[in-house]
Amino acid sequence: MKIAVIGAGAIGGLVGAKLALAGEDVTFVVRGANLDAIGRNGFKLIAADGQEQVAREVRATDRYDQAGPQDIVVLAMKAHQVEAVAPHVPSLFGPETMVVTMQNGIPYWYFQQHGGPFDGTPVRSVDPNGAVLAHIPAERVIGCVVYPASELIAPGVVKHIEGDRFPVGELDGSASERVNRVSACFTGAGFKAPVLDDIRAEIWLKLWGNLTFNPISSLSHSTLVDICQYPLSRDLASEMMREAQAVANRLGITFRVSLEKRIAGAEKVGKHKTSMLQDVEAGRAPEIDALVGAVIELARLTDTPTPHINTVYSLVKLLARTMEDQHGSVRLHEMA
């Protein structure tokens, strides 16, 4: 299949490299150092066991119109980066092109083909101007939840840390022929990509941890195990998760694991810095609106109180603005 991967970061690089190594026709749509490195050397994948492979039969371009129509477009950047590229994505569309969205948090298409009283409601936290939905219509979307962890360690070089699950699903829950083709394609590349009949429930399950541990870690500069084992932060995480669960329940979502089990799972990860903490330390804008702001938006829509989530969201937003104003990053330094 012809597959365009927009973005060649930790996840886009992992997905694109493994698809190419499995024989798919992959084009990375990228800029800067990644564009140069992939164009010269292909894409190197370092597996979790240290083995290295290079996907040499890949293309890289910063021109969407040069890539041409694709069978699948993998949208592999953070949610707040999608609006900037959305107007260019239709250049990759043919009559049957599917768009696999790999953003964390509540997606822009959440209420599209949703059914019920909120059907068609836009999610302004992640698509404030409606530009994403206008250029990437829900009819083309295949939902996806990203579970693997990987790291872009150099331009055109990604290290796979752990995990291989990319559950996929149609927005209306149907087991269509096209979603099964996506599943088969990803499975052929070595991923686990089951077709789910409720992709939104899976989105909430992952988000349940992300909306709590990411912002708490970015404010406290603590790892997952530290947050879970310190009583005050563990209690805060629990309260945020209870509030989020109430929002999800009002939208018809049932969690298939308990709150305590979800926290225990995060604790087992150990001394891991969340992506939001890594962003703060690197001076990058934290992915706060898709992970937290959108949950607050849905809470207001369903008249669900979320005082703990609101407070943490406000603090991270202020931190992000301060970093932007000061052109700085925030990192703990060991004292002599």
Protein backbone atom coordinates (compact mmCIF):
# COMPACT_ATOMS: atom_id res chain seq x y z
CA MET A 1 0.00 0.00 0.00
CA LYS A 2 1.05 3.61 -0.54
CA ILE A 3 1.40 5.18 2.89
CA ALA A 4 2.35 8.75 3.78
CA VAL A 5 3.53 9.36 7.34
CA ILE A 6 3.23 13.01 8.33
CA GLY A 7 5.89 13.60 10.93
CA ALA A 8 8.93 11.45 11.66
CA GLY A 9 9.18 11.74 15.41
CA ALA A 10 9.23 8.91 17.92
CA ILE A 11 5.93 7.34 16.84
CA GLY A 12 5.84 8.40 13.19
CA GLY A 13 9.38 7.14 12.74
CA LEU A 14 8.61 3.80 14.38
CA VAL A 15 5.45 3.24 12.34
CA GLY A 16 6.91 4.39 9.04
CA ALA A 17 10.12 2.40 9.41
CA LYS A 18 8.38 -0.84 10.32
CA LEU A 19 5.82 -0.46 7.53
CA ALA A 20 8.61 0.15 5.02
CA LEU A 21 10.62 -2.82 6.30
CA ALA A 22 7.49 -4.93 5.78
CA GLY A 23 7.43 -3.93 2.12
CA GLU A 24 4.94 -1.08 2.11
CA ASP A 25 5.52 1.99 -0.09
CA VAL A 26 6.27 4.66 2.55
CA THR A 27 6.79 8.39 2.13
CA PHE A 28 7.69 10.57 5.11
CA VAL A 29 6.38 14.12 4.91
CA VAL A 30 8.89 15.96 7.07
CA ARG A 31 11.04 19.06 7.38
CA GLY A 32 14.50 20.09 8.52
CA ALA A 33 17.11 17.64 9.76
CA ASN A 34 14.80 14.64 9.44
CA LEU A 35 14.19 15.43 5.78
CA ASP A 36 17.91 15.55 5.04
CA ALA A 37 18.78 12.47 7.09
CA ILE A 38 16.04 10.24 5.67
CA GLY A 39 16.78 11.41 2.14
CA ARG A 40 20.45 10.48 2.52
CA ASN A 41 20.37 7.38 4.68
CA GLY A 42 16.83 6.03 4.87
CA PHE A 43 15.31 5.47 8.32
CA LYS A 44 17.15 3.50 11.00
CA LEU A 45 15.16 1.50 13.53
CA ILE A 46 16.83 0.28 16.72
CA ALA A 47 14.72 -2.48 18.21
CA ALA A 48 14.11 -2.91 21.93
CA ASP A 49 16.71 -5.71 21.98
CA GLY A 50 19.32 -3.48 20.33
CA GLN A 51 19.15 -4.96 16.83
CA GLU A 52 19.35 -2.36 14.06
CA GLN A 53 17.59 -2.26 10.70
CA VAL A 54 17.56 0.44 8.07
CA ALA A 55 14.53 1.09 5.89
CA ARG A 56 16.29 2.33 2.78
CA GLU A 57 13.39 2.14 0.34
CA VAL A 58 11.61 5.15 1.80
CA ARG A 59 11.09 8.60 0.42
CA ALA A 60 11.12 11.90 2.28
CA THR A 61 9.68 15.21 1.12
CA ASP A 62 8.47 18.49 2.55
CA ARG A 63 6.07 18.93 -0.37
CA TYR A 64 2.70 17.29 0.07
CA ASP A 65 1.88 17.65 -3.61
CA GLN A 66 5.05 15.74 -4.55
CA ALA A 67 4.00 12.69 -2.55
CA GLY A 68 0.84 12.17 -4.58
CA PRO A 69 -2.36 10.30 -3.65
CA GLN A 70 -2.00 7.68 -0.92
CA ASP A 71 -3.93 4.67 0.33
CA ILE A 72 -3.26 5.59 3.96
CA VAL A 73 -2.16 8.85 5.55
CA VAL A 74 -0.74 8.43 9.06
CA LEU A 75 -1.14 11.64 11.04
CA ALA A 76 1.76 11.25 13.46
CA MET A 77 2.29 14.57 15.22
CA LYS A 78 0.97 16.02 18.45
CA ALA A 79 -2.58 17.32 18.53
CA HIS A 80 -1.63 20.98 18.73
CA GLN A 81 0.51 20.63 15.59
CA VAL A 82 -2.25 19.26 13.36
CA GLU A 83 -3.98 22.55 12.53
CA ALA A 84 -0.86 23.91 10.80
CA VAL A 85 -0.60 20.95 8.41
CA ALA A 86 -4.31 20.27 7.89
CA PRO A 87 -4.71 22.50 4.78
CA HIS A 88 -1.97 20.53 3.01
CA VAL A 89 -3.22 17.03 3.82
CA PRO A 90 -5.87 16.91 1.03
CA SER A 91 -2.99 16.92 -1.49
CA LEU A 92 -2.45 13.31 -0.38
CA PHE A 93 -6.05 12.25 -0.96
CA GLY A 94 -7.30 9.90 -3.61
CA PRO A 95 -10.92 8.69 -3.77
CA GLU A 96 -10.44 6.03 -1.06
CA THR A 97 -7.64 7.50 1.07
CA MET A 98 -7.92 6.77 4.80
CA VAL A 99 -6.40 8.96 7.53
CA VAL A 100 -5.17 7.14 10.63
CA THR A 101 -5.04 9.64 13.50
CA MET A 102 -2.38 8.94 16.14
CA GLN A 103 -2.83 11.89 18.48
CA ASN A 104 -3.07 11.44 22.24
CA GLY A 105 -6.10 12.79 24.07
CA ILE A 106 -9.57 13.66 22.84
CA PRO A 107 -9.43 13.83 19.01
CA TYR A 108 -10.95 16.61 16.93
CA TRP A 109 -13.42 14.12 15.43
CA TYR A 110 -14.70 12.79 18.78
CA PHE A 111 -18.40 13.63 18.25
CA GLN A 112 -18.44 12.94 14.51
CA GLN A 113 -20.56 9.83 13.76
CA HIS A 114 -21.08 9.65 17.51
CA GLY A 115 -24.86 9.42 17.71
CA GLY A 116 -26.90 10.82 20.56
CA PRO A 117 -27.45 14.44 21.62
CA PHE A 118 -23.86 15.61 20.97
CA ASP A 119 -23.50 14.13 17.49
CA GLY A 120 -21.49 16.48 15.26
CA THR A 121 -20.42 18.78 18.11
CA PRO A 122 -16.95 20.26 17.43
CA VAL A 123 -14.17 19.92 20.02
CA ARG A 124 -12.79 23.44 20.12
CA SER A 125 -9.93 22.67 22.50
CA VAL A 126 -8.16 20.71 19.76
CA ASP A 127 -9.72 22.30 16.66
CA PRO A 128 -10.48 25.88 17.69
CA ASN A 129 -11.26 27.19 14.21
CA GLY A 130 -12.71 24.04 12.70
CA ALA A 131 -9.85 23.95 10.19
CA VAL A 132 -8.80 20.37 10.92
CA LEU A 133 -12.28 18.93 10.43
CA ALA A 134 -12.78 21.06 7.31
CA HIS A 135 -9.64 19.68 5.64
CA ILE A 136 -9.59 16.16 7.12
CA PRO A 137 -13.24 15.11 7.16
CA ALA A 138 -14.40 12.44 9.56
CA GLU A 139 -15.47 10.22 6.67
CA ARG A 140 -11.80 9.55 5.91
CA VAL A 141 -10.72 8.92 9.51
CA ILE A 142 -9.75 5.63 11.11
CA GLY A 143 -9.30 6.12 14.86
CA CYS A 144 -6.16 4.72 16.47
CA VAL A 145 -4.74 4.51 19.99
CA VAL A 146 -0.96 4.52 20.39
CA TYR A 147 0.55 2.33 23.11
CA PRO A 148 4.22 1.80 22.10
CA ALA A 149 7.00 3.90 23.59
CA SER A 150 9.89 4.97 21.40
CA GLU A 151 12.41 7.77 21.13
CA LEU A 152 13.82 9.74 18.22
CA ILE A 153 17.48 9.70 19.21
CA ALA A 154 18.81 11.45 16.09
CA PRO A 155 17.37 12.69 12.79
CA GLY A 156 16.18 9.60 10.92
CA VAL A 157 16.95 7.27 13.84
CA VAL A 158 14.30 5.92 16.23
CA LYS A 159 14.74 3.57 19.17
CA HIS A 160 11.82 1.32 20.06
CA ILE A 161 11.55 1.05 23.85
CA GLU A 162 8.53 -1.20 24.38
CA GLY A 163 4.99 -1.95 23.26
CA ASP A 164 3.45 -2.84 19.90
CA ARG A 165 -0.30 -2.17 20.20
CA PHE A 166 -2.11 0.17 17.80
CA PRO A 167 -5.84 -0.64 18.16
CA VAL A 168 -7.90 0.84 15.32
CA GLY A 169 -11.58 1.47 14.75
CA GLU A 170 -14.20 3.13 12.57
CA LEU A 171 -15.86 6.15 14.17
CA ASP A 172 -19.27 4.48 13.84
CA GLY A 173 -18.00 1.20 15.32
CA SER A 174 -18.49 -0.83 12.15
CA ALA A 175 -16.15 -3.65 11.12
CA SER A 176 -15.67 -2.24 7.64
CA GLU A 177 -13.54 -3.74 4.91
CA ARG A 178 -11.26 -0.70 4.97
CA VAL A 179 -10.54 -0.76 8.71
CA ASN A 180 -9.69 -4.43 8.39
CA ARG A 181 -7.24 -3.53 5.62
CA VAL A 182 -5.56 -1.04 7.94
CA SER A 183 -5.41 -3.66 10.68
CA ALA A 184 -3.89 -6.21 8.31
CA CYS A 185 -1.33 -3.69 7.07
CA PHE A 186 -0.18 -2.82 10.59
CA THR A 187 -0.21 -6.47 11.64
CA GLY A 188 2.01 -7.32 8.70
CA ALA A 189 4.52 -4.78 9.98
CA GLY A 190 4.72 -6.54 13.35
CA PHE A 191 2.22 -4.49 15.33
CA LYS A 192 -0.87 -5.66 17.18
CA ALA A 193 -3.72 -3.73 15.59
CA PRO A 194 -7.07 -5.23 16.63
CA VAL A 195 -10.21 -3.71 15.17
CA LEU A 196 -12.34 -2.32 18.02
CA ASP A 197 -16.07 -1.65 17.91
CA ASP A 198 -15.69 1.30 20.34
CA ILE A 199 -12.46 3.17 19.66
CA ARG A 200 -13.59 6.03 21.92
CA ALA A 201 -13.60 3.77 24.99
CA GLU A 202 -9.99 2.82 24.24
CA ILE A 203 -9.08 6.49 23.79
CA TRP A 204 -10.51 7.24 27.25
CA LEU A 205 -8.65 4.33 28.83
CA LYS A 206 -5.28 5.67 27.72
CA LEU A 207 -6.30 9.27 28.35
CA TRP A 208 -7.32 8.40 31.91
CA GLY A 209 -3.67 8.17 32.89
CA ASN A 210 -2.31 10.79 30.52
CA LEU A 211 -4.61 13.57 31.71
CA THR A 212 -3.42 13.05 35.29
CA PHE A 213 0.19 11.90 35.31
CA ASN A 214 1.39 14.12 32.45
CA PRO A 215 0.42 17.48 33.95
CA ILE A 216 1.27 16.48 37.53
CA SER A 217 4.73 15.37 36.41
CA SER A 218 5.30 18.55 34.41
CA LEU A 219 4.53 20.68 37.48
CA SER A 220 6.32 18.54 40.05
CA HIS A 221 9.23 17.31 37.88
CA SER A 222 8.58 13.84 39.21
CA THR A 223 8.47 10.44 37.53
CA LEU A 224 5.49 8.09 37.43
CA VAL A 225 6.58 5.98 40.37
CA ASP A 226 7.27 9.08 42.46
CA ILE A 227 3.79 10.46 41.79
CA CYS A 228 2.14 7.14 42.59
CA GLN A 229 4.08 6.50 45.78
CA TYR A 230 3.85 9.98 47.31
CA PRO A 231 0.48 10.06 49.13
CA LEU A 232 -0.50 13.64 48.27
CA SER A 233 0.18 13.33 44.55
CA ARG A 234 -1.40 9.87 44.44
CA ASP A 235 -4.54 11.33 46.02
CA LEU A 236 -4.54 14.20 43.50
CA ALA A 237 -4.22 11.75 40.60
CA SER A 238 -7.08 9.69 42.02
CA GLU A 239 -9.36 12.73 42.30
CA MET A 240 -8.59 13.82 38.74
CA MET A 241 -9.27 10.31 37.48
CA ARG A 242 -12.60 10.14 39.32
CA GLU A 243 -13.65 13.42 37.74
CA ALA A 244 -12.63 12.24 34.28
CA GLN A 245 -14.45 8.96 34.80
CA ALA A 246 -17.62 10.87 35.62
CA VAL A 247 -17.32 12.82 32.35
CA ALA A 248 -16.72 9.65 30.35
CA ASN A 249 -19.64 7.86 32.02
CA ARG A 250 -21.99 10.67 31.00
CA LEU A 251 -20.85 10.14 27.44
CA GLY A 252 -21.64 6.43 27.62
CA ILE A 253 -18.09 5.21 28.24
CA THR A 254 -17.37 2.38 30.67
CA PHE A 255 -13.80 1.71 31.79
CA ARG A 256 -12.74 -1.93 31.62
CA VAL A 257 -10.14 -1.58 34.41
CA SER A 258 -10.45 -0.10 37.90
CA LEU A 259 -8.96 3.21 38.95
CA GLU A 260 -6.57 1.53 41.37
CA LYS A 261 -5.41 -0.91 38.72
CA ARG A 262 -4.75 1.97 36.32
CA ILE A 263 -2.63 3.75 38.94
CA ALA A 264 -0.81 0.53 39.77
CA GLY A 265 0.03 0.11 36.11
CA ALA A 266 1.58 3.58 36.01
CA GLU A 267 3.54 2.85 39.18
CA LYS A 268 5.04 -0.28 37.62
CA VAL A 269 6.51 1.78 34.78
CA GLY A 270 8.96 3.16 37.33
CA LYS A 271 11.27 6.17 36.99
CA HIS A 272 9.75 7.30 33.70
CA LYS A 273 9.46 10.95 32.72
CA THR A 274 6.16 11.62 30.98
CA SER A 275 6.13 13.24 27.56
CA MET A 276 4.79 16.48 29.04
CA LEU A 277 7.66 16.67 31.53
CA GLN A 278 10.11 16.01 28.70
CA ASP A 279 8.51 18.85 26.72
CA VAL A 280 8.79 21.28 29.65
CA GLU A 281 12.44 20.35 30.17
CA ALA A 282 13.15 20.84 26.46
CA GLY A 283 11.29 24.15 26.20
CA ARG A 284 8.57 22.73 23.95
CA ALA A 285 4.89 23.61 24.23
CA PRO A 286 3.22 20.93 26.39
CA GLU A 287 0.38 18.94 24.85
CA ILE A 288 -2.09 20.23 27.42
CA ASP A 289 -5.28 21.03 25.49
CA ALA A 290 -5.87 17.62 23.90
CA LEU A 291 -5.01 15.80 27.13
CA VAL A 292 -6.70 18.06 29.68
CA GLY A 293 -8.41 21.08 28.12
CA ALA A 294 -10.62 18.88 25.95
CA VAL A 295 -11.73 16.89 29.00
CA ILE A 296 -12.76 20.15 30.67
CA GLU A 297 -14.65 21.12 27.51
CA LEU A 298 -16.53 17.81 27.57
CA ALA A 299 -17.15 18.23 31.30
CA ARG A 300 -18.84 21.57 30.69
CA LEU A 301 -20.82 20.07 27.84
CA THR A 302 -22.14 17.36 30.17
CA ASP A 303 -22.46 19.60 33.27
CA THR A 304 -19.87 17.55 35.17
CA PRO A 305 -17.78 19.28 37.88
CA THR A 306 -14.01 18.86 37.50
CA PRO A 307 -12.39 21.14 40.12
CA HIS A 308 -9.11 19.22 40.46
CA ILE A 309 -8.64 18.89 36.69
CA ASN A 310 -9.44 22.58 36.23
CA THR A 311 -6.82 23.64 38.78
CA VAL A 312 -4.02 21.52 37.34
CA TYR A 313 -4.91 22.63 33.81
CA SER A 314 -4.70 26.31 34.81
CA LEU A 315 -1.27 25.83 36.34
CA VAL A 316 0.19 24.02 33.31
CA LYS A 317 -1.27 26.64 30.94
CA LEU A 318 0.40 29.37 33.00
CA LEU A 319 3.67 27.46 32.96
CA ALA A 320 3.42 27.08 29.17
CA ARG A 321 2.78 30.81 28.72
CA THR A 322 5.69 31.71 31.00
CA MET A 323 8.00 29.42 29.05
CA GLU A 324 6.86 30.98 25.79
CA ASP A 325 7.25 34.54 27.07
CA GLN A 326 10.69 33.85 28.49
CA HIS A 327 11.80 31.61 25.59
CA GLY A 328 12.91 29.16 28.23
CA SER A 329 12.65 25.66 29.63
CA VAL A 330 12.26 24.37 33.17
CA ARG A 331 14.54 21.64 34.46
CA LEU A 332 15.80 20.56 37.87
CA HIS A 333 19.57 20.76 38.21
CA GLU A 334 21.55 18.80 40.74
CA MET A 335 23.20 21.04 43.33
CA ALA A 336 26.87 20.65 44.03
